[in-house]
C-alpha atoms as a PDB file:
ATOM      1  CA  UNK A   1      -0.060   0.078  -0.034  1.00  0.00           C
ATOM      2  CA  UNK A   2       1.384   3.664  -0.775  1.00  0.00           C
ATOM      3  CA  UNK A   3       0.134   6.647   0.602  1.00  0.00           C
ATOM      4  CA  UNK A   4      -1.079   9.253  -1.749  1.00  0.00           C
ATOM      5  CA  UNK A   5      -0.145  12.845  -1.109  1.00  0.00           C
ATOM      6  CA  UNK A   6      -1.719  14.430  -4.208  1.00  0.00           C
ATOM      7  CA  UNK A   7      -4.082  13.167  -6.938  1.00  0.00           C
ATOM      8  CA  UNK A   8      -4.653  14.591 -10.217  1.00  0.00           C
ATOM      9  CA  UNK A   9      -8.021  14.463 -11.390  1.00  0.00           C
ATOM     10  CA  UNK A  10      -9.014  14.684 -15.177  1.00  0.00           C
ATOM     11  CA  UNK A  11     -12.704  15.432 -15.919  1.00  0.00           C
ATOM     12  CA  UNK A  12     -14.934  17.543 -18.031  1.00  0.00           C
ATOM     13  CA  UNK A  13     -15.566  21.237 -18.069  1.00  0.00           C
ATOM     14  CA  UNK A  14     -19.369  20.541 -18.608  1.00  0.00           C
ATOM     15  CA  UNK A  15     -21.796  18.972 -16.293  1.00  0.00           C
ATOM     16  CA  UNK A  16     -24.102  16.145 -17.598  1.00  0.00           C
ATOM     17  CA  UNK A  17     -27.652  16.064 -16.709  1.00  0.00           C
ATOM     18  CA  UNK A  18     -27.519  12.754 -14.990  1.00  0.00           C
ATOM     19  CA  UNK A  19     -26.820  13.319 -11.348  1.00  0.00           C
ATOM     20  CA  UNK A  20     -24.596  10.457 -11.181  1.00  0.00           C
ATOM     21  CA  UNK A  21     -21.812  12.547 -12.878  1.00  0.00           C
ATOM     22  CA  UNK A  22     -21.790  15.324 -10.595  1.00  0.00           C
ATOM     23  CA  UNK A  23     -22.107  13.099  -7.444  1.00  0.00           C
ATOM     24  CA  UNK A  24     -19.138  10.806  -8.416  1.00  0.00           C
ATOM     25  CA  UNK A  25     -17.178  14.225  -8.827  1.00  0.00           C
ATOM     26  CA  UNK A  26     -18.458  15.200  -5.576  1.00  0.00           C
ATOM     27  CA  UNK A  27     -17.445  12.191  -3.660  1.00  0.00           C
ATOM     28  CA  UNK A  28     -14.158  11.938  -5.111  1.00  0.00           C
ATOM     29  CA  UNK A  29     -13.277  15.802  -4.138  1.00  0.00           C
ATOM     30  CA  UNK A  30     -15.025  14.935  -0.773  1.00  0.00           C
ATOM     31  CA  UNK A  31     -12.967  11.761   0.022  1.00  0.00           C
ATOM     32  CA  UNK A  32      -9.663  12.993  -1.199  1.00  0.00           C
ATOM     33  CA  UNK A  33     -10.050  15.936   1.170  1.00  0.00           C
ATOM     34  CA  UNK A  34     -10.977  13.857   4.298  1.00  0.00           C
ATOM     35  CA  UNK A  35      -7.933  11.576   3.650  1.00  0.00           C
ATOM     36  CA  UNK A  36      -5.188  14.538   3.424  1.00  0.00           C
ATOM     37  CA  UNK A  37      -4.695  13.842  -0.278  1.00  0.00           C
ATOM     38  CA  UNK A  38      -4.351  17.323  -2.363  1.00  0.00           C
ATOM     39  CA  UNK A  39      -6.315  17.670  -5.521  1.00  0.00           C
ATOM     40  CA  UNK A  40      -4.592  18.903  -8.820  1.00  0.00           C
ATOM     41  CA  UNK A  41      -6.983  19.494 -11.650  1.00  0.00           C
ATOM     42  CA  UNK A  42      -7.717  21.837 -14.462  1.00  0.00           C
ATOM     43  CA  UNK A  43      -8.234  25.051 -12.430  1.00  0.00           C
ATOM     44  CA  UNK A  44     -11.699  25.658 -13.680  1.00  0.00           C
ATOM     45  CA  UNK A  45     -15.093  26.515 -11.833  1.00  0.00           C
ATOM     46  CA  UNK A  46     -17.146  25.337 -14.123  1.00  0.00           C
ATOM     47  CA  UNK A  47     -18.657  21.631 -15.136  1.00  0.00           C
ATOM     48  CA  UNK A  48     -17.211  18.482 -13.204  1.00  0.00           C
ATOM     49  CA  UNK A  49     -14.255  20.230 -12.605  1.00  0.00           C
ATOM     50  CA  UNK A  50     -15.961  23.069 -10.604  1.00  0.00           C
ATOM     51  CA  UNK A  51     -17.956  20.068  -8.721  1.00  0.00           C
ATOM     52  CA  UNK A  52     -14.795  18.244  -7.778  1.00  0.00           C
ATOM     53  CA  UNK A  53     -12.934  21.309  -6.425  1.00  0.00           C
ATOM     54  CA  UNK A  54     -15.888  22.974  -4.486  1.00  0.00           C
ATOM     55  CA  UNK A  55     -16.456  19.404  -2.785  1.00  0.00           C
ATOM     56  CA  UNK A  56     -12.783  19.093  -1.702  1.00  0.00           C
ATOM     57  CA  UNK A  57     -12.356  22.776  -0.742  1.00  0.00           C
ATOM     58  CA  UNK A  58     -15.937  22.242   1.465  1.00  0.00           C
ATOM     59  CA  UNK A  59     -14.291  19.168   3.021  1.00  0.00           C
ATOM     60  CA  UNK A  60     -11.256  21.164   4.039  1.00  0.00           C
ATOM     61  CA  UNK A  61      -8.734  19.869   1.540  1.00  0.00           C
ATOM     62  CA  UNK A  62      -6.147  21.583  -0.585  1.00  0.00           C
ATOM     63  CA  UNK A  63      -6.849  22.264  -4.243  1.00  0.00           C
ATOM     64  CA  UNK A  64      -4.484  23.244  -6.670  1.00  0.00           C
ATOM     65  CA  UNK A  65      -5.496  24.171 -10.129  1.00  0.00           C
ATOM     66  CA  UNK A  66      -3.504  24.741 -13.338  1.00  0.00           C
ATOM     67  CA  UNK A  67      -4.863  26.712 -16.211  1.00  0.00           C
ATOM     68  CA  UNK A  68      -3.611  28.471 -19.390  1.00  0.00           C
ATOM     69  CA  UNK A  69      -4.071  32.075 -19.439  1.00  0.00           C
ATOM     70  CA  UNK A  70      -5.748  31.896 -22.617  1.00  0.00           C
ATOM     71  CA  UNK A  71      -8.394  29.737 -21.256  1.00  0.00           C
ATOM     72  CA  UNK A  72      -9.665  31.991 -18.338  1.00  0.00           C
ATOM     73  CA  UNK A  73     -12.344  33.219 -20.664  1.00  0.00           C
ATOM     74  CA  UNK A  74     -13.677  29.964 -21.429  1.00  0.00           C
ATOM     75  CA  UNK A  75     -13.161  27.840 -18.308  1.00  0.00           C
ATOM     76  CA  UNK A  76     -13.339  30.425 -15.847  1.00  0.00           C
ATOM     77  CA  UNK A  77     -10.603  30.315 -12.799  1.00  0.00           C
ATOM     78  CA  UNK A  78     -11.855  29.001  -9.521  1.00  0.00           C
ATOM     79  CA  UNK A  79     -11.307  31.917  -7.339  1.00  0.00           C
ATOM     80  CA  UNK A  80     -11.247  29.772  -3.996  1.00  0.00           C
ATOM     81  CA  UNK A  81      -8.447  27.504  -4.673  1.00  0.00           C
ATOM     82  CA  UNK A  82      -5.194  26.847  -2.421  1.00  0.00           C
ATOM     83  CA  UNK A  83      -2.997  27.778  -5.430  1.00  0.00           C
ATOM     84  CA  UNK A  84      -3.635  28.548  -9.022  1.00  0.00           C
ATOM     85  CA  UNK A  85      -0.533  28.091 -11.373  1.00  0.00           C
ATOM     86  CA  UNK A  86      -1.024  30.220 -14.576  1.00  0.00           C
ATOM     87  CA  UNK A  87       0.864  28.727 -17.512  1.00  0.00           C
ATOM     88  CA  UNK A  88       1.608  29.601 -21.110  1.00  0.00           C
ATOM     89  CA  UNK A  89       0.034  26.613 -23.003  1.00  0.00           C
ATOM     90  CA  UNK A  90      -1.841  23.672 -22.738  1.00  0.00           C
ATOM     91  CA  UNK A  91       1.544  21.453 -22.895  1.00  0.00           C
ATOM     92  CA  UNK A  92       2.811  23.340 -19.886  1.00  0.00           C
ATOM     93  CA  UNK A  93      -0.433  22.632 -17.788  1.00  0.00           C
ATOM     94  CA  UNK A  94      -0.497  19.101 -18.516  1.00  0.00           C
ATOM     95  CA  UNK A  95       3.221  18.613 -17.641  1.00  0.00           C
ATOM     96  CA  UNK A  96       2.899  20.887 -14.436  1.00  0.00           C
ATOM     97  CA  UNK A  97      -0.457  18.742 -13.462  1.00  0.00           C
ATOM     98  CA  UNK A  98       1.663  15.657 -13.997  1.00  0.00           C
ATOM     99  CA  UNK A  99       4.671  16.770 -12.007  1.00  0.00           C
ATOM    100  CA  UNK A 100       2.481  17.817  -8.989  1.00  0.00           C
ATOM    101  CA  UNK A 101       0.606  14.294  -8.866  1.00  0.00           C
ATOM    102  CA  UNK A 102       1.457  11.021  -7.269  1.00  0.00           C
ATOM    103  CA  UNK A 103      -1.563   9.371  -9.197  1.00  0.00           C
ATOM    104  CA  UNK A 104      -4.144  10.340 -11.695  1.00  0.00           C
ATOM    105  CA  UNK A 105      -8.136   9.769 -11.878  1.00  0.00           C
ATOM    106  CA  UNK A 106     -10.070  10.108 -15.030  1.00  0.00           C
ATOM    107  CA  UNK A 107     -13.843  10.933 -14.309  1.00  0.00           C
ATOM    108  CA  UNK A 108     -15.857  11.374 -17.392  1.00  0.00           C
ATOM    109  CA  UNK A 109     -14.973  14.134 -19.807  1.00  0.00           C
ATOM    110  CA  UNK A 110     -14.559  15.076 -23.301  1.00  0.00           C
ATOM    111  CA  UNK A 111     -11.791  15.394 -25.736  1.00  0.00           C
ATOM    112  CA  UNK A 112      -9.553  17.417 -23.168  1.00  0.00           C
ATOM    113  CA  UNK A 113     -10.075  14.517 -20.751  1.00  0.00           C
ATOM    114  CA  UNK A 114      -9.405  11.863 -23.246  1.00  0.00           C
ATOM    115  CA  UNK A 115      -6.157  13.747 -24.472  1.00  0.00           C
ATOM    116  CA  UNK A 116      -4.729  14.239 -20.878  1.00  0.00           C
ATOM    117  CA  UNK A 117      -5.552  10.571 -19.984  1.00  0.00           C
ATOM    118  CA  UNK A 118      -4.005   9.228 -23.246  1.00  0.00           C
ATOM    119  CA  UNK A 119      -0.828  11.328 -22.481  1.00  0.00           C
ATOM    120  CA  UNK A 120      -0.318  10.400 -18.793  1.00  0.00           C
ATOM    121  CA  UNK A 121      -0.705   6.591 -19.705  1.00  0.00           C
ATOM    122  CA  UNK A 122       1.514   6.847 -22.725  1.00  0.00           C
ATOM    123  CA  UNK A 123       3.975   8.488 -20.622  1.00  0.00           C
ATOM    124  CA  UNK A 124       3.996   5.683 -18.333  1.00  0.00           C
ATOM    125  CA  UNK A 125       4.146   3.079 -21.113  1.00  0.00           C
ATOM    126  CA  UNK A 126       7.405   5.009 -22.246  1.00  0.00           C
ATOM    127  CA  UNK A 127       8.822   4.607 -18.737  1.00  0.00           C
ATOM    128  CA  UNK A 128       8.683   8.598 -18.264  1.00  0.00           C
ATOM    129  CA  UNK A 129       6.839   8.148 -14.876  1.00  0.00           C
ATOM    130  CA  UNK A 130       5.542   5.472 -12.763  1.00  0.00           C
ATOM    131  CA  UNK A 131       2.190   6.714 -11.116  1.00  0.00           C
ATOM    132  CA  UNK A 132      -0.676   4.815 -11.421  1.00  0.00           C
ATOM    133  CA  UNK A 133      -3.643   5.544 -13.479  1.00  0.00           C
ATOM    134  CA  UNK A 134      -7.455   4.799 -12.615  1.00  0.00           C
ATOM    135  CA  UNK A 135     -10.866   5.257 -14.512  1.00  0.00           C
ATOM    136  CA  UNK A 136     -13.715   6.493 -12.187  1.00  0.00           C
ATOM    137  CA  UNK A 137     -16.621   4.814 -14.062  1.00  0.00           C
ATOM    138  CA  UNK A 138     -20.173   6.414 -14.079  1.00  0.00           C
ATOM    139  CA  UNK A 139     -23.231   4.678 -15.886  1.00  0.00           C
ATOM    140  CA  UNK A 140     -20.520   2.771 -17.710  1.00  0.00           C
ATOM    141  CA  UNK A 141     -18.919   5.665 -19.307  1.00  0.00           C
ATOM    142  CA  UNK A 142     -15.522   4.291 -19.763  1.00  0.00           C
ATOM    143  CA  UNK A 143     -16.984   0.764 -21.147  1.00  0.00           C
ATOM    144  CA  UNK A 144     -16.281   1.636 -24.819  1.00  0.00           C
ATOM    145  CA  UNK A 145     -12.538   2.915 -24.113  1.00  0.00           C
ATOM    146  CA  UNK A 146     -12.212  -0.237 -21.860  1.00  0.00           C
ATOM    147  CA  UNK A 147     -13.412  -2.629 -24.904  1.00  0.00           C
ATOM    148  CA  UNK A 148     -11.200  -0.713 -27.239  1.00  0.00           C
ATOM    149  CA  UNK A 149      -7.805  -1.112 -25.285  1.00  0.00           C
ATOM    150  CA  UNK A 150      -8.703  -4.879 -24.550  1.00  0.00           C
ATOM    151  CA  UNK A 151      -9.113  -4.702 -28.383  1.00  0.00           C
ATOM    152  CA  UNK A 152      -5.689  -3.410 -28.849  1.00  0.00           C
ATOM    153  CA  UNK A 153      -4.237  -6.329 -27.013  1.00  0.00           C
ATOM    154  CA  UNK A 154      -6.137  -8.754 -28.659  1.00  0.00           C
ATOM    155  CA  UNK A 155      -5.062  -7.570 -32.021  1.00  0.00           C
ATOM    156  CA  UNK A 156      -1.433  -7.146 -31.008  1.00  0.00           C
ATOM    157  CA  UNK A 157      -1.073  -3.398 -30.925  1.00  0.00           C
ATOM    158  CA  UNK A 158      -0.884  -3.128 -27.145  1.00  0.00           C
ATOM    159  CA  UNK A 159       1.254  -5.609 -24.941  1.00  0.00           C
ATOM    160  CA  UNK A 160      -1.050  -6.695 -21.694  1.00  0.00           C
ATOM    161  CA  UNK A 161       1.627  -5.090 -19.356  1.00  0.00           C
ATOM    162  CA  UNK A 162       0.737  -1.477 -21.040  1.00  0.00           C
ATOM    163  CA  UNK A 163      -2.860  -2.431 -20.943  1.00  0.00           C
ATOM    164  CA  UNK A 164      -2.492  -3.056 -17.209  1.00  0.00           C
ATOM    165  CA  UNK A 165      -1.361   0.668 -16.551  1.00  0.00           C
ATOM    166  CA  UNK A 166      -4.731   1.687 -16.869  1.00  0.00           C
ATOM    167  CA  UNK A 167      -7.232   0.498 -14.201  1.00  0.00           C
ATOM    168  CA  UNK A 168     -11.011   0.782 -13.377  1.00  0.00           C
ATOM    169  CA  UNK A 169     -13.187   1.617 -10.546  1.00  0.00           C
ATOM    170  CA  UNK A 170     -16.856   2.012  -9.928  1.00  0.00           C
ATOM    171  CA  UNK A 171     -16.723   4.601  -7.012  1.00  0.00           C
ATOM    172  CA  UNK A 172     -14.193   6.912  -5.429  1.00  0.00           C
ATOM    173  CA  UNK A 173     -13.205   4.743  -2.461  1.00  0.00           C
ATOM    174  CA  UNK A 174     -12.585   1.959  -5.211  1.00  0.00           C
ATOM    175  CA  UNK A 175     -10.660   4.216  -7.037  1.00  0.00           C
ATOM    176  CA  UNK A 176      -8.262   5.522  -4.118  1.00  0.00           C
ATOM    177  CA  UNK A 177      -7.938   2.060  -2.836  1.00  0.00           C
ATOM    178  CA  UNK A 178      -6.751   0.790  -6.254  1.00  0.00           C
ATOM    179  CA  UNK A 179      -4.375   3.860  -6.590  1.00  0.00           C
ATOM    180  CA  UNK A 180      -3.056   2.969  -3.429  1.00  0.00           C
ATOM    181  CA  UNK A 181      -2.757  -0.673  -3.829  1.00  0.00           C
ATOM    182  CA  UNK A 182      -1.210   0.002  -7.201  1.00  0.00           C
ATOM    183  CA  UNK A 183       1.866   1.853  -6.219  1.00  0.00           C
ATOM    184  CA  UNK A 184       4.393   2.564  -9.007  1.00  0.00           C
ATOM    185  CA  UNK A 185       2.976   1.603 -12.268  1.00  0.00           C
ATOM    186  CA  UNK A 186       4.574  -1.995 -13.105  1.00  0.00           C
ATOM    187  CA  UNK A 187       5.984  -1.416 -16.794  1.00  0.00           C
ATOM    188  CA  UNK A 188       9.454  -1.226 -16.465  1.00  0.00           C
ATOM    189  CA  UNK A 189      11.306   1.689 -18.296  1.00  0.00           C
ATOM    190  CA  UNK A 190      11.742   0.727 -22.222  1.00  0.00           C
ATOM    191  CA  UNK A 191       9.607  -2.415 -21.726  1.00  0.00           C
ATOM    192  CA  UNK A 192       6.461  -0.690 -22.452  1.00  0.00           C
ATOM    193  CA  UNK A 193       6.367  -0.607 -26.017  1.00  0.00           C
ATOM    194  CA  UNK A 194       7.370  -2.704 -29.297  1.00  0.00           C
ATOM    195  CA  UNK A 195       8.199  -1.222 -32.668  1.00  0.00           C
ATOM    196  CA  UNK A 196       4.938   0.054 -34.120  1.00  0.00           C
ATOM    197  CA  UNK A 197       3.263   0.424 -30.433  1.00  0.00           C
ATOM    198  CA  UNK A 198       2.432   3.971 -29.980  1.00  0.00           C
END
């Protein structure tokens, strides 16, 4: 078991009408705070991003946002964060979020969430970090992605050990338990890819 000091959360800047989605974000933010885990996220006050940040702050947690200056108009920086880092680009945003976190959870989201998830999993596959990654599933949201990852393994485009770098959980408690149990990602540096696998 590994004690998590900080958790990076990827999630949408919109809020689905289904109440299960914001409730999952609320539960994750609240649970991280009560366990003394700092929350690192994209810095916005809207959508699921705002929900998870508000829940962590309301429970007395530390919340660190990372937001490119050009997105302030669209994502509306959260005014009540413990710290807000303003960076120049999306690339800098992702890099700083990854550096500040001990582990990663992906709540449901759109293209930005997929981008962040794919990049952090790819970096793990390449041996650039050894931090665990878990999908927090709501309403089987991640089922198509899980099926696609499994298909990549079946057709020979993804090694089984690389597939295991992305876990899946049905609740905030399960997600944190999986991350703590996983510890550092198990794929050894240099062993995650074969020629043609990317």
